[in-house]
Structures are given as C-alpha cells and as structure tokens.
Amino acid sequence: MGRTVTPVRFEMEAQLRELKKYVLSLRQEDQEHFARLYADVMKHVSSVSIANPLNPQELMQWSAILELEKKIQEIKHEIDRRLLP
C-alpha cells in the first residue's frame, strides 16, 4: 500500500512553489532574505512532520518566528557582551 497522506516536506515545498511569482517579483535583496528565511523554516521540517498538521502553513510561520526570536536573542546577547565588561 502507498501513502495516503502527502509528506509534510512535500507540502512545505508546494507552498514555496505557490509563492514563486511573489518571490520573483521581489527585489534581489529581498529574494535573498526570503531564501534565508525559508531555509530557517525548513530547519523545522521534522518537528512540523511530527505534529502532522492538515495544513503546515501555520507551523511554517511559527518556525519562522522561532528562528527570528533566536536571532534577536543572539543580537541582544552580543550587544550586552560588548557593552558590559
């Protein structure tokens, strides 16, 4: 028997294909930012797969937010490290 549910990774990649026109309409600099953000989202594909949502888009957004939060904290720690002896 074959799979009856499309793997989440395929769903996430399908979401990117749907955004292709949008991404291509962005300035080159923004396309690069988008690519990095999407790569960050894909770091969480295993966690999204375990959650097995019917539509992974919401968890993709949460994954992006999580990665942004991590980067914000890294920047805060770096600022504190440089400002506080």
Protein backbone atom coordinates (compact mmCIF):
# COMPACT_ATOMS: atom_id res chain seq x y z
CA MET A 1 0.00 0.00 0.00
CA GLY A 2 1.15 3.50 -0.76
CA ARG A 3 0.93 6.57 1.41
CA THR A 4 -2.47 8.17 1.75
CA VAL A 5 -1.15 11.42 3.23
CA THR A 6 1.30 13.65 1.39
CA PRO A 7 4.54 14.02 3.39
CA VAL A 8 4.79 17.38 5.13
CA ARG A 9 8.08 18.19 3.39
CA PHE A 10 6.27 17.95 0.03
CA GLU A 11 3.51 20.22 1.33
CA MET A 12 6.06 22.77 2.52
CA GLU A 13 7.85 22.69 -0.82
CA ALA A 14 4.49 23.06 -2.60
CA GLN A 15 3.85 26.19 -0.53
CA LEU A 16 7.12 27.63 -1.83
CA ARG A 17 6.17 26.84 -5.42
CA GLU A 18 2.91 28.71 -4.87
CA LEU A 19 4.93 31.73 -3.73
CA LYS A 20 7.29 31.63 -6.72
CA LYS A 21 5.68 34.56 -8.58
CA TYR A 22 5.70 36.61 -5.38
CA VAL A 23 9.35 35.81 -4.71
CA LEU A 24 10.37 36.61 -8.28
CA SER A 25 8.60 39.96 -8.02
CA LEU A 26 10.71 40.93 -5.00
CA ARG A 27 13.89 42.95 -5.32
CA GLN A 28 17.02 40.80 -5.47
CA GLU A 29 17.98 41.78 -1.91
CA ASP A 30 14.55 40.76 -0.63
CA GLN A 31 14.72 37.49 -2.55
CA GLU A 32 17.93 36.71 -0.68
CA HIS A 33 16.26 37.47 2.66
CA PHE A 34 13.31 35.30 1.68
CA ALA A 35 15.63 32.43 0.76
CA ARG A 36 17.35 32.63 4.15
CA LEU A 37 14.03 32.77 5.97
CA TYR A 38 12.72 29.79 4.03
CA ALA A 39 15.90 27.85 4.82
CA ASP A 40 15.30 28.64 8.50
CA VAL A 41 11.75 27.33 8.22
CA MET A 42 12.97 24.12 6.61
CA LYS A 43 15.20 23.51 9.67
CA HIS A 44 11.97 22.65 11.47
CA VAL A 45 10.51 20.27 8.89
CA SER A 46 10.96 17.29 11.23
CA SER A 47 9.05 19.00 14.03
CA VAL A 48 6.29 20.02 11.65
CA SER A 49 6.15 16.44 10.35
CA ILE A 50 5.77 15.06 13.86
CA ALA A 51 2.89 17.46 14.52
CA ASN A 52 1.37 16.22 11.23
CA PRO A 53 -0.95 19.17 10.60
CA LEU A 54 -3.51 19.07 7.79
CA ASN A 55 -2.10 22.39 6.59
CA PRO A 56 1.52 23.00 7.61
CA GLN A 57 1.42 26.72 6.73
CA GLU A 58 0.71 27.88 10.30
CA LEU A 59 3.56 25.81 11.72
CA MET A 60 5.82 27.12 8.96
CA GLN A 61 5.02 30.64 10.16
CA TRP A 62 5.71 29.67 13.77
CA SER A 63 9.01 28.13 12.67
CA ALA A 64 9.99 31.42 11.01
CA ILE A 65 9.01 33.36 14.14
CA LEU A 66 11.04 30.97 16.29
CA GLU A 67 14.14 31.47 14.15
CA LEU A 68 13.69 35.26 14.23
CA GLU A 69 13.35 35.16 18.02
CA LYS A 70 16.57 33.15 18.27
CA LYS A 71 18.39 35.71 16.11
CA ILE A 72 17.03 38.60 18.18
CA GLN A 73 18.30 36.94 21.35
CA GLU A 74 21.72 36.34 19.78
CA ILE A 75 21.95 40.03 18.85
CA LYS A 76 20.87 41.10 22.36
CA HIS A 77 23.49 38.85 23.94
CA GLU A 78 26.16 40.18 21.59
CA ILE A 79 25.21 43.78 22.44
CA ASP A 80 25.27 43.01 26.17
CA ARG A 81 28.63 41.26 25.81
CA ARG A 82 30.12 44.30 24.06
CA LEU A 83 28.58 46.90 26.36
CA LEU A 84 29.06 45.18 29.69
CA PRO A 85 32.61 44.27 30.67
